[in-house]
Amino acid sequence: MLRGVELDLPPRTLIRVEGANGTGKSTLLRLLAGIDSPSEGRITGRRPRTAYVPERFSAALPFTAAGYLVHLGRIHGLRSSEATDRARWWLTRLGADAHARTPLPELSKGTSQKVAVAQALLAEPELLILDEAWTGLDTAARDELDRAVAERVAAGATVVFVDHDPRRLAGSVDAVFRIEGTVLLAAPATRAAGTGPRVRIEAAGPPGAALPAGLPGTPEHTPAADGGVRFTVAATHSDALLRALLTAHPPWHIRRLAALPGLAEDPGDDGPPHRTPTPEAP
């Protein structure tokens, strides 16, 4: 049982929850997602549009993968055509498009987890709750989920997650909370450490243009030799930063891209490769 929990969920924030097994991490996430209600105390404020990926996804449902996503999209208020397009988009992005017509009970554990992730992302939630959501995903899908998290935060959402890998999204986390006993304690965030792969982007705005406000990933920025600006950002935020620069008013011109190694060694994980910006979701 958790006691004395005080936790604010400001927008545009990535929050990690840590703690030993059985301390109540999943309980806290279920409370935040609105699945469970507190026996004492209360949750205040406007209930944001919320999506949740559980630690274990029940695939024993009478739907195909795409049919389930369309059904969930309709529940979230999307039109059928929009839900269908977004279902196709996320299945493709997560590498599960070949299983769109496969009944959920026939999916492998990894593909089932991709469907669980897709159902949480297709409605563009304001609050995204991820309970060990990376478990069971292949490397490409894990990297894609990293990028999707960065995109949701850049769009103004709050993301709260639990993951067994302490390196998960290292360098991008805004706040860390650790459950010890039954108490939730604040811990130092890892953003300042700068671990993990990074990307350098050199860009130039129109003459006299100010730096766009609220850039994703809080990138470091310094003047470039040719009069532009050199941005350095965690790789998980690079696609969102590129999109923000390209869609600024007026738009910025991208001159150079370069992948950089992390400041600390990250054994066994070379990090996500850099790629061009992901097209806008339908």
C-alpha atoms as a PDB file:
ATOM      1  CA  MET A   1       0.000   0.000   0.000  1.00  0.00           C
ATOM      2  CA  LEU A   2       1.336   3.428  -0.964  1.00  0.00           C
ATOM      3  CA  ARG A   3       1.151   6.244   1.556  1.00  0.00           C
ATOM      4  CA  GLY A   4       1.980   9.922   1.479  1.00  0.00           C
ATOM      5  CA  VAL A   5       2.199  10.118  -2.307  1.00  0.00           C
ATOM      6  CA  GLU A   6       2.479  13.662  -3.638  1.00  0.00           C
ATOM      7  CA  LEU A   7       3.092  13.821  -7.362  1.00  0.00           C
ATOM      8  CA  ASP A   8       2.468  16.603  -9.860  1.00  0.00           C
ATOM      9  CA  LEU A   9       2.184  15.803 -13.563  1.00  0.00           C
ATOM     10  CA  PRO A  10       3.026  18.997 -15.465  1.00  0.00           C
ATOM     11  CA  PRO A  11       2.696  18.990 -19.253  1.00  0.00           C
ATOM     12  CA  ARG A  12       5.696  18.401 -21.523  1.00  0.00           C
ATOM     13  CA  THR A  13       7.362  16.235 -18.861  1.00  0.00           C
ATOM     14  CA  LEU A  14       8.959  12.782 -18.902  1.00  0.00           C
ATOM     15  CA  ILE A  15       8.818  11.064 -15.497  1.00  0.00           C
ATOM     16  CA  ARG A  16      10.487   7.813 -14.503  1.00  0.00           C
ATOM     17  CA  VAL A  17       9.264   5.738 -11.534  1.00  0.00           C
ATOM     18  CA  GLU A  18      11.717   3.340  -9.898  1.00  0.00           C
ATOM     19  CA  GLY A  19      11.613   0.839  -7.054  1.00  0.00           C
ATOM     20  CA  ALA A  20      12.156  -2.792  -6.157  1.00  0.00           C
ATOM     21  CA  ASN A  21       9.660  -5.449  -7.239  1.00  0.00           C
ATOM     22  CA  GLY A  22       6.501  -5.390  -5.151  1.00  0.00           C
ATOM     23  CA  THR A  23       6.907  -1.835  -3.855  1.00  0.00           C
ATOM     24  CA  GLY A  24       3.868  -0.507  -5.719  1.00  0.00           C
ATOM     25  CA  LYS A  25       5.126   0.892  -9.023  1.00  0.00           C
ATOM     26  CA  SER A  26       2.316  -0.709 -11.036  1.00  0.00           C
ATOM     27  CA  THR A  27      -0.212   0.333  -8.397  1.00  0.00           C
ATOM     28  CA  LEU A  28       0.903   3.949  -8.738  1.00  0.00           C
ATOM     29  CA  LEU A  29       0.681   3.793 -12.526  1.00  0.00           C
ATOM     30  CA  ARG A  30      -2.815   2.278 -12.407  1.00  0.00           C
ATOM     31  CA  LEU A  31      -3.911   5.082 -10.078  1.00  0.00           C
ATOM     32  CA  LEU A  32      -2.495   7.687 -12.456  1.00  0.00           C
ATOM     33  CA  ALA A  33      -4.209   5.995 -15.410  1.00  0.00           C
ATOM     34  CA  GLY A  34      -7.567   6.046 -13.598  1.00  0.00           C
ATOM     35  CA  ILE A  35      -7.891   2.261 -13.624  1.00  0.00           C
ATOM     36  CA  ASP A  36      -7.796   2.064  -9.822  1.00  0.00           C
ATOM     37  CA  SER A  37      -9.079   4.587  -7.278  1.00  0.00           C
ATOM     38  CA  PRO A  38      -7.187   5.594  -4.130  1.00  0.00           C
ATOM     39  CA  SER A  39      -8.551   4.181  -0.862  1.00  0.00           C
ATOM     40  CA  GLU A  40      -7.345   7.346   0.869  1.00  0.00           C
ATOM     41  CA  GLY A  41      -6.622  10.818  -0.466  1.00  0.00           C
ATOM     42  CA  ARG A  42      -7.628  12.018  -3.889  1.00  0.00           C
ATOM     43  CA  ILE A  43      -6.383  12.832  -7.347  1.00  0.00           C
ATOM     44  CA  THR A  44      -7.066  16.456  -8.237  1.00  0.00           C
ATOM     45  CA  GLY A  45      -7.081  18.481 -11.424  1.00  0.00           C
ATOM     46  CA  ARG A  46      -8.603  17.965 -14.839  1.00  0.00           C
ATOM     47  CA  ARG A  47      -8.461  14.376 -16.019  1.00  0.00           C
ATOM     48  CA  PRO A  48      -6.325  14.476 -19.188  1.00  0.00           C
ATOM     49  CA  ARG A  49      -6.906  12.226 -22.194  1.00  0.00           C
ATOM     50  CA  THR A  50      -5.041   9.188 -20.909  1.00  0.00           C
ATOM     51  CA  ALA A  51      -3.602   6.022 -22.444  1.00  0.00           C
ATOM     52  CA  TYR A  52      -2.000   3.108 -20.623  1.00  0.00           C
ATOM     53  CA  VAL A  53       0.211   0.189 -21.626  1.00  0.00           C
ATOM     54  CA  PRO A  54       0.045  -2.493 -18.917  1.00  0.00           C
ATOM     55  CA  GLU A  55       2.866  -4.764 -17.884  1.00  0.00           C
ATOM     56  CA  ARG A  56       0.875  -7.704 -19.289  1.00  0.00           C
ATOM     57  CA  PHE A  57      -1.431  -7.216 -22.253  1.00  0.00           C
ATOM     58  CA  SER A  58      -4.371  -9.611 -22.446  1.00  0.00           C
ATOM     59  CA  ALA A  59      -4.662 -10.752 -26.049  1.00  0.00           C
ATOM     60  CA  ALA A  60      -7.640 -13.084 -25.451  1.00  0.00           C
ATOM     61  CA  LEU A  61     -10.058 -10.758 -27.245  1.00  0.00           C
ATOM     62  CA  PRO A  62     -12.285 -11.445 -30.296  1.00  0.00           C
ATOM     63  CA  PHE A  63     -10.513  -9.016 -32.635  1.00  0.00           C
ATOM     64  CA  THR A  64      -7.813  -8.974 -35.243  1.00  0.00           C
ATOM     65  CA  ALA A  65      -4.882  -6.675 -34.460  1.00  0.00           C
ATOM     66  CA  ALA A  66      -6.180  -3.918 -36.748  1.00  0.00           C
ATOM     67  CA  GLY A  67      -9.787  -4.460 -35.680  1.00  0.00           C
ATOM     68  CA  TYR A  68      -8.837  -4.041 -32.025  1.00  0.00           C
ATOM     69  CA  LEU A  69      -6.987  -0.792 -32.734  1.00  0.00           C
ATOM     70  CA  VAL A  70      -9.882   0.608 -34.756  1.00  0.00           C
ATOM     71  CA  HIS A  71     -12.260  -0.352 -31.939  1.00  0.00           C
ATOM     72  CA  LEU A  72     -10.079   1.437 -29.370  1.00  0.00           C
ATOM     73  CA  GLY A  73      -9.753   4.422 -31.680  1.00  0.00           C
ATOM     74  CA  ARG A  74     -13.542   4.710 -31.867  1.00  0.00           C
ATOM     75  CA  ILE A  75     -13.732   4.565 -28.069  1.00  0.00           C
ATOM     76  CA  HIS A  76     -11.261   7.468 -27.990  1.00  0.00           C
ATOM     77  CA  GLY A  77     -13.603   9.439 -30.244  1.00  0.00           C
ATOM     78  CA  LEU A  78     -11.921   8.983 -33.616  1.00  0.00           C
ATOM     79  CA  ARG A  79     -13.954   8.523 -36.798  1.00  0.00           C
ATOM     80  CA  SER A  80     -13.777   5.029 -38.308  1.00  0.00           C
ATOM     81  CA  SER A  81     -11.681   6.183 -41.265  1.00  0.00           C
ATOM     82  CA  GLU A  82      -9.302   8.096 -38.991  1.00  0.00           C
ATOM     83  CA  ALA A  83      -8.998   5.168 -36.587  1.00  0.00           C
ATOM     84  CA  THR A  84      -8.298   2.830 -39.509  1.00  0.00           C
ATOM     85  CA  ASP A  85      -5.573   5.099 -40.894  1.00  0.00           C
ATOM     86  CA  ARG A  86      -3.920   5.508 -37.509  1.00  0.00           C
ATOM     87  CA  ALA A  87      -4.087   1.781 -36.800  1.00  0.00           C
ATOM     88  CA  ARG A  88      -2.323   1.083 -40.093  1.00  0.00           C
ATOM     89  CA  TRP A  89       0.217   3.850 -39.368  1.00  0.00           C
ATOM     90  CA  TRP A  90       1.198   2.517 -35.938  1.00  0.00           C
ATOM     91  CA  LEU A  91       1.285  -1.136 -36.947  1.00  0.00           C
ATOM     92  CA  THR A  92       3.616  -0.212 -39.800  1.00  0.00           C
ATOM     93  CA  ARG A  93       5.770   2.024 -37.641  1.00  0.00           C
ATOM     94  CA  LEU A  94       6.184  -0.697 -35.005  1.00  0.00           C
ATOM     95  CA  GLY A  95       6.875  -3.409 -37.578  1.00  0.00           C
ATOM     96  CA  ALA A  96       3.621  -5.342 -37.097  1.00  0.00           C
ATOM     97  CA  ASP A  97       1.749  -4.447 -40.300  1.00  0.00           C
ATOM     98  CA  ALA A  98       2.045  -8.022 -41.595  1.00  0.00           C
ATOM     99  CA  HIS A  99      -0.164  -9.120 -38.681  1.00  0.00           C
ATOM    100  CA  ALA A 100      -2.944  -6.570 -39.120  1.00  0.00           C
ATOM    101  CA  ARG A 101      -5.489  -9.290 -39.977  1.00  0.00           C
ATOM    102  CA  THR A 102      -4.213 -11.836 -37.446  1.00  0.00           C
ATOM    103  CA  PRO A 103      -6.574 -12.630 -34.526  1.00  0.00           C
ATOM    104  CA  LEU A 104      -5.162 -11.322 -31.252  1.00  0.00           C
ATOM    105  CA  PRO A 105      -4.960 -14.779 -29.561  1.00  0.00           C
ATOM    106  CA  GLU A 106      -2.713 -15.997 -32.416  1.00  0.00           C
ATOM    107  CA  LEU A 107      -0.146 -13.223 -32.072  1.00  0.00           C
ATOM    108  CA  SER A 108       3.275 -13.828 -30.571  1.00  0.00           C
ATOM    109  CA  LYS A 109       4.074 -12.138 -27.269  1.00  0.00           C
ATOM    110  CA  GLY A 110       6.235  -9.557 -29.013  1.00  0.00           C
ATOM    111  CA  THR A 111       3.612  -8.684 -31.615  1.00  0.00           C
ATOM    112  CA  SER A 112       0.914  -8.528 -28.931  1.00  0.00           C
ATOM    113  CA  GLN A 113       3.053  -5.991 -27.108  1.00  0.00           C
ATOM    114  CA  LYS A 114       3.321  -3.921 -30.287  1.00  0.00           C
ATOM    115  CA  VAL A 115      -0.468  -3.849 -30.475  1.00  0.00           C
ATOM    116  CA  ALA A 116      -0.621  -2.796 -26.819  1.00  0.00           C
ATOM    117  CA  VAL A 117       1.768   0.084 -27.550  1.00  0.00           C
ATOM    118  CA  ALA A 118      -0.113   1.069 -30.714  1.00  0.00           C
ATOM    119  CA  GLN A 119      -3.477   1.272 -28.915  1.00  0.00           C
ATOM    120  CA  ALA A 120      -1.983   3.737 -26.428  1.00  0.00           C
ATOM    121  CA  LEU A 121      -0.415   5.981 -29.045  1.00  0.00           C
ATOM    122  CA  LEU A 122      -3.005   6.177 -31.810  1.00  0.00           C
ATOM    123  CA  ALA A 123      -5.238   8.658 -29.933  1.00  0.00           C
ATOM    124  CA  GLU A 124      -2.327  11.031 -29.129  1.00  0.00           C
ATOM    125  CA  PRO A 125      -2.867  11.019 -25.343  1.00  0.00           C
ATOM    126  CA  GLU A 126      -2.145  13.970 -23.081  1.00  0.00           C
ATOM    127  CA  LEU A 127      -1.033  11.547 -20.355  1.00  0.00           C
ATOM    128  CA  LEU A 128       0.776   8.386 -21.430  1.00  0.00           C
ATOM    129  CA  ILE A 129       1.412   5.685 -18.800  1.00  0.00           C
ATOM    130  CA  LEU A 130       3.914   2.944 -19.691  1.00  0.00           C
ATOM    131  CA  ASP A 131       4.387  -0.014 -17.338  1.00  0.00           C
ATOM    132  CA  GLU A 132       7.345  -2.019 -18.667  1.00  0.00           C
ATOM    133  CA  ALA A 133       6.037  -1.276 -22.172  1.00  0.00           C
ATOM    134  CA  TRP A 134       9.394  -2.069 -23.838  1.00  0.00           C
ATOM    135  CA  THR A 135       9.451  -5.650 -22.506  1.00  0.00           C
ATOM    136  CA  GLY A 136       9.027  -8.159 -25.330  1.00  0.00           C
ATOM    137  CA  LEU A 137       9.655  -5.664 -28.131  1.00  0.00           C
ATOM    138  CA  ASP A 138      12.434  -6.197 -30.641  1.00  0.00           C
ATOM    139  CA  THR A 139      15.222  -3.626 -30.928  1.00  0.00           C
ATOM    140  CA  ALA A 140      13.620  -1.689 -33.784  1.00  0.00           C
ATOM    141  CA  ALA A 141      10.282  -1.434 -31.972  1.00  0.00           C
ATOM    142  CA  ARG A 142      11.975  -0.373 -28.722  1.00  0.00           C
ATOM    143  CA  ASP A 143      13.754   2.416 -30.570  1.00  0.00           C
ATOM    144  CA  GLU A 144      10.481   3.429 -32.218  1.00  0.00           C
ATOM    145  CA  LEU A 145       8.767   3.604 -28.821  1.00  0.00           C
ATOM    146  CA  ASP A 146      11.634   5.774 -27.536  1.00  0.00           C
ATOM    147  CA  ARG A 147      11.020   8.173 -30.423  1.00  0.00           C
ATOM    148  CA  ALA A 148       7.260   8.097 -29.906  1.00  0.00           C
ATOM    149  CA  VAL A 149       7.718   9.034 -26.239  1.00  0.00           C
ATOM    150  CA  ALA A 150       9.895  11.974 -27.239  1.00  0.00           C
ATOM    151  CA  GLU A 151       7.273  13.080 -29.753  1.00  0.00           C
ATOM    152  CA  ARG A 152       4.463  12.963 -27.190  1.00  0.00           C
ATOM    153  CA  VAL A 153       6.495  15.031 -24.710  1.00  0.00           C
ATOM    154  CA  ALA A 154       7.412  17.498 -27.456  1.00  0.00           C
ATOM    155  CA  ALA A 155       3.712  17.824 -28.293  1.00  0.00           C
ATOM    156  CA  GLY A 156       2.992  18.859 -24.692  1.00  0.00           C
ATOM    157  CA  ALA A 157       2.018  15.523 -23.141  1.00  0.00           C
ATOM    158  CA  THR A 158       3.121  14.019 -19.843  1.00  0.00           C
ATOM    159  CA  VAL A 159       4.694  10.560 -19.985  1.00  0.00           C
ATOM    160  CA  VAL A 160       5.173   8.425 -16.860  1.00  0.00           C
ATOM    161  CA  PHE A 161       7.033   5.150 -17.234  1.00  0.00           C
ATOM    162  CA  VAL A 162       8.534   2.187 -15.428  1.00  0.00           C
ATOM    163  CA  ASP A 163      11.236   0.079 -17.061  1.00  0.00           C
ATOM    164  CA  HIS A 164      13.683  -2.505 -15.737  1.00  0.00           C
ATOM    165  CA  ASP A 165      16.535  -1.038 -17.839  1.00  0.00           C
ATOM    166  CA  PRO A 166      18.092   1.891 -15.917  1.00  0.00           C
ATOM    167  CA  ARG A 167      19.405   3.292 -19.219  1.00  0.00           C
ATOM    168  CA  ARG A 168      15.927   3.612 -20.728  1.00  0.00           C
ATOM    169  CA  LEU A 169      15.563   7.194 -22.044  1.00  0.00           C
ATOM    170  CA  ALA A 170      18.570   8.269 -19.989  1.00  0.00           C
ATOM    171  CA  GLY A 171      19.392  11.884 -20.736  1.00  0.00           C
ATOM    172  CA  SER A 172      15.767  12.716 -21.576  1.00  0.00           C
ATOM    173  CA  VAL A 173      14.061  12.237 -18.198  1.00  0.00           C
ATOM    174  CA  ASP A 174      12.819  15.388 -16.448  1.00  0.00           C
ATOM    175  CA  ALA A 175      12.058  13.831 -13.049  1.00  0.00           C
ATOM    176  CA  VAL A 176      12.713  10.530 -11.284  1.00  0.00           C
ATOM    177  CA  PHE A 177      10.664   9.197  -8.371  1.00  0.00           C
ATOM    178  CA  ARG A 178      11.612   6.136  -6.364  1.00  0.00           C
ATOM    179  CA  ILE A 179       9.295   4.071  -4.175  1.00  0.00           C
ATOM    180  CA  GLU A 180      11.001   2.906  -0.994  1.00  0.00           C
ATOM    181  CA  GLY A 181       8.812   0.959   1.388  1.00  0.00           C
ATOM    182  CA  THR A 182       5.466   2.657   0.855  1.00  0.00           C
ATOM    183  CA  VAL A 183       6.848   6.153   0.261  1.00  0.00           C
ATOM    184  CA  LEU A 184       7.425   7.942  -3.048  1.00  0.00           C
ATOM    185  CA  LEU A 185      10.700   9.881  -2.992  1.00  0.00           C
ATOM    186  CA  ALA A 186      12.102  12.322  -5.535  1.00  0.00           C
ATOM    187  CA  ALA A 187      15.464  11.301  -6.988  1.00  0.00           C
ATOM    188  CA  PRO A 188      17.920  13.199  -9.212  1.00  0.00           C
ATOM    189  CA  ALA A 189      16.891  13.254 -12.870  1.00  0.00           C
ATOM    190  CA  THR A 190      19.396  11.988 -15.409  1.00  0.00           C
ATOM    191  CA  ARG A 191      18.926  14.566 -18.147  1.00  0.00           C
ATOM    192  CA  ALA A 192      22.024  16.543 -17.147  1.00  0.00           C
ATOM    193  CA  ALA A 193      24.203  13.445 -17.324  1.00  0.00           C
ATOM    194  CA  GLY A 194      23.945  13.422 -21.111  1.00  0.00           C
ATOM    195  CA  THR A 195      24.454   9.689 -21.411  1.00  0.00           C
ATOM    196  CA  GLY A 196      23.370   7.791 -24.463  1.00  0.00           C
ATOM    197  CA  PRO A 197      23.620   8.676 -28.148  1.00  0.00           C
ATOM    198  CA  ARG A 198      23.091  12.259 -29.249  1.00  0.00           C
ATOM    199  CA  VAL A 199      22.558  14.051 -32.541  1.00  0.00           C
ATOM    200  CA  ARG A 200      24.054  17.343 -33.709  1.00  0.00           C
ATOM    201  CA  ILE A 201      21.901  19.451 -36.025  1.00  0.00           C
ATOM    202  CA  GLU A 202      23.195  22.571 -37.767  1.00  0.00           C
ATOM    203  CA  ALA A 203      20.389  24.809 -38.962  1.00  0.00           C
ATOM    204  CA  ALA A 204      19.787  28.372 -40.071  1.00  0.00           C
ATOM    205  CA  GLY A 205      16.709  30.506 -39.668  1.00  0.00           C
ATOM    206  CA  PRO A 206      15.668  33.450 -41.829  1.00  0.00           C
ATOM    207  CA  PRO A 207      17.646  36.662 -41.197  1.00  0.00           C
ATOM    208  CA  GLY A 208      16.684  38.132 -37.849  1.00  0.00           C
ATOM    209  CA  ALA A 209      14.542  35.145 -36.829  1.00  0.00           C
ATOM    210  CA  ALA A 210      14.557  34.315 -33.139  1.00  0.00           C
ATOM    211  CA  LEU A 211      15.214  30.817 -31.864  1.00  0.00           C
ATOM    212  CA  PRO A 212      11.869  28.933 -31.808  1.00  0.00           C
ATOM    213  CA  ALA A 213      10.486  28.601 -28.289  1.00  0.00           C
ATOM    214  CA  GLY A 214       9.888  25.283 -26.535  1.00  0.00           C
ATOM    215  CA  LEU A 215      12.155  23.146 -28.715  1.00  0.00           C
ATOM    216  CA  PRO A 216      11.824  19.392 -27.970  1.00  0.00           C
ATOM    217  CA  GLY A 217      14.488  17.782 -25.828  1.00  0.00           C
ATOM    218  CA  THR A 218      15.817  21.102 -24.447  1.00  0.00           C
ATOM    219  CA  PRO A 219      18.740  21.025 -26.899  1.00  0.00           C
ATOM    220  CA  GLU A 220      22.066  22.700 -26.261  1.00  0.00           C
ATOM    221  CA  HIS A 221      22.629  25.399 -28.874  1.00  0.00           C
ATOM    222  CA  THR A 222      25.686  27.393 -29.892  1.00  0.00           C
ATOM    223  CA  PRO A 223      26.455  29.659 -32.877  1.00  0.00           C
ATOM    224  CA  ALA A 224      27.826  27.834 -35.923  1.00  0.00           C
ATOM    225  CA  ALA A 225      30.782  29.145 -37.906  1.00  0.00           C
ATOM    226  CA  ASP A 226      28.644  29.866 -40.989  1.00  0.00           C
ATOM    227  CA  GLY A 227      26.138  32.002 -39.110  1.00  0.00           C
ATOM    228  CA  GLY A 228      23.624  29.296 -38.250  1.00  0.00           C
ATOM    229  CA  VAL A 229      22.979  27.506 -34.980  1.00  0.00           C
ATOM    230  CA  ARG A 230      24.416  24.171 -33.852  1.00  0.00           C
ATOM    231  CA  PHE A 231      21.942  22.108 -31.783  1.00  0.00           C
ATOM    232  CA  THR A 232      22.928  19.042 -29.742  1.00  0.00           C
ATOM    233  CA  VAL A 233      20.121  16.833 -28.437  1.00  0.00           C
ATOM    234  CA  ALA A 234      19.509  13.292 -27.182  1.00  0.00           C
ATOM    235  CA  ALA A 235      18.893  10.973 -30.144  1.00  0.00           C
ATOM    236  CA  THR A 236      15.423  10.120 -28.842  1.00  0.00           C
ATOM    237  CA  HIS A 237      14.431  13.775 -29.347  1.00  0.00           C
ATOM    238  CA  SER A 238      16.177  14.334 -32.697  1.00  0.00           C
ATOM    239  CA  ASP A 239      13.198  13.584 -34.964  1.00  0.00           C
ATOM    240  CA  ALA A 240      10.915  15.825 -32.919  1.00  0.00           C
ATOM    241  CA  LEU A 241      13.501  18.635 -32.933  1.00  0.00           C
ATOM    242  CA  LEU A 242      13.933  18.370 -36.703  1.00  0.00           C
ATOM    243  CA  ARG A 243      10.186  18.533 -37.194  1.00  0.00           C
ATOM    244  CA  ALA A 244       9.928  21.578 -34.902  1.00  0.00           C
ATOM    245  CA  LEU A 245      12.604  23.437 -36.872  1.00  0.00           C
ATOM    246  CA  LEU A 246      11.175  22.501 -40.265  1.00  0.00           C
ATOM    247  CA  THR A 247       7.635  23.519 -39.295  1.00  0.00           C
ATOM    248  CA  ALA A 248       8.553  26.714 -37.428  1.00  0.00           C
ATOM    249  CA  HIS A 249       7.103  29.998 -38.669  1.00  0.00           C
ATOM    250  CA  PRO A 250       9.164  30.881 -40.621  1.00  0.00           C
ATOM    251  CA  PRO A 251      10.791  27.452 -41.155  1.00  0.00           C
ATOM    252  CA  TRP A 252      14.467  26.805 -40.515  1.00  0.00           C
ATOM    253  CA  HIS A 253      16.837  25.303 -43.078  1.00  0.00           C
ATOM    254  CA  ILE A 254      18.665  22.133 -41.981  1.00  0.00           C
ATOM    255  CA  ARG A 255      22.294  22.188 -43.124  1.00  0.00           C
ATOM    256  CA  ARG A 256      23.996  19.232 -41.464  1.00  0.00           C
ATOM    257  CA  LEU A 257      23.198  16.215 -39.297  1.00  0.00           C
ATOM    258  CA  ALA A 258      25.690  14.129 -37.348  1.00  0.00           C
ATOM    259  CA  ALA A 259      25.287  11.275 -34.873  1.00  0.00           C
ATOM    260  CA  LEU A 260      27.396  11.614 -31.744  1.00  0.00           C
ATOM    261  CA  PRO A 261      28.353   8.966 -29.192  1.00  0.00           C
ATOM    262  CA  GLY A 262      27.088   9.211 -25.617  1.00  0.00           C
ATOM    263  CA  LEU A 263      29.242  10.895 -23.006  1.00  0.00           C
ATOM    264  CA  ALA A 264      29.320   7.671 -21.027  1.00  0.00           C
ATOM    265  CA  GLU A 265      29.751   4.157 -22.343  1.00  0.00           C
ATOM    266  CA  ASP A 266      26.542   2.241 -22.829  1.00  0.00           C
ATOM    267  CA  PRO A 267      27.581  -1.416 -23.077  1.00  0.00           C
ATOM    268  CA  GLY A 268      25.523  -3.610 -25.334  1.00  0.00           C
ATOM    269  CA  ASP A 269      23.374  -0.825 -26.767  1.00  0.00           C
ATOM    270  CA  ASP A 270      24.509   1.294 -29.674  1.00  0.00           C
ATOM    271  CA  GLY A 271      21.325   3.350 -29.432  1.00  0.00           C
ATOM    272  CA  PRO A 272      18.888   4.195 -32.158  1.00  0.00           C
ATOM    273  CA  PRO A 273      20.431   5.116 -35.521  1.00  0.00           C
ATOM    274  CA  HIS A 274      19.663   8.591 -36.763  1.00  0.00           C
ATOM    275  CA  ARG A 275      17.110   8.827 -39.515  1.00  0.00           C
ATOM    276  CA  THR A 276      15.180  11.479 -41.351  1.00  0.00           C
ATOM    277  CA  PRO A 277      12.072  12.912 -39.657  1.00  0.00           C
ATOM    278  CA  THR A 278       9.104  10.584 -39.404  1.00  0.00           C
ATOM    279  CA  PRO A 279       6.158  11.710 -41.578  1.00  0.00           C
ATOM    280  CA  GLU A 280       3.253  13.249 -39.772  1.00  0.00           C
ATOM    281  CA  ALA A 281       0.743  10.771 -38.390  1.00  0.00           C
ATOM    282  CA  PRO A 282      -2.597  10.797 -40.158  1.00  0.00           C
END
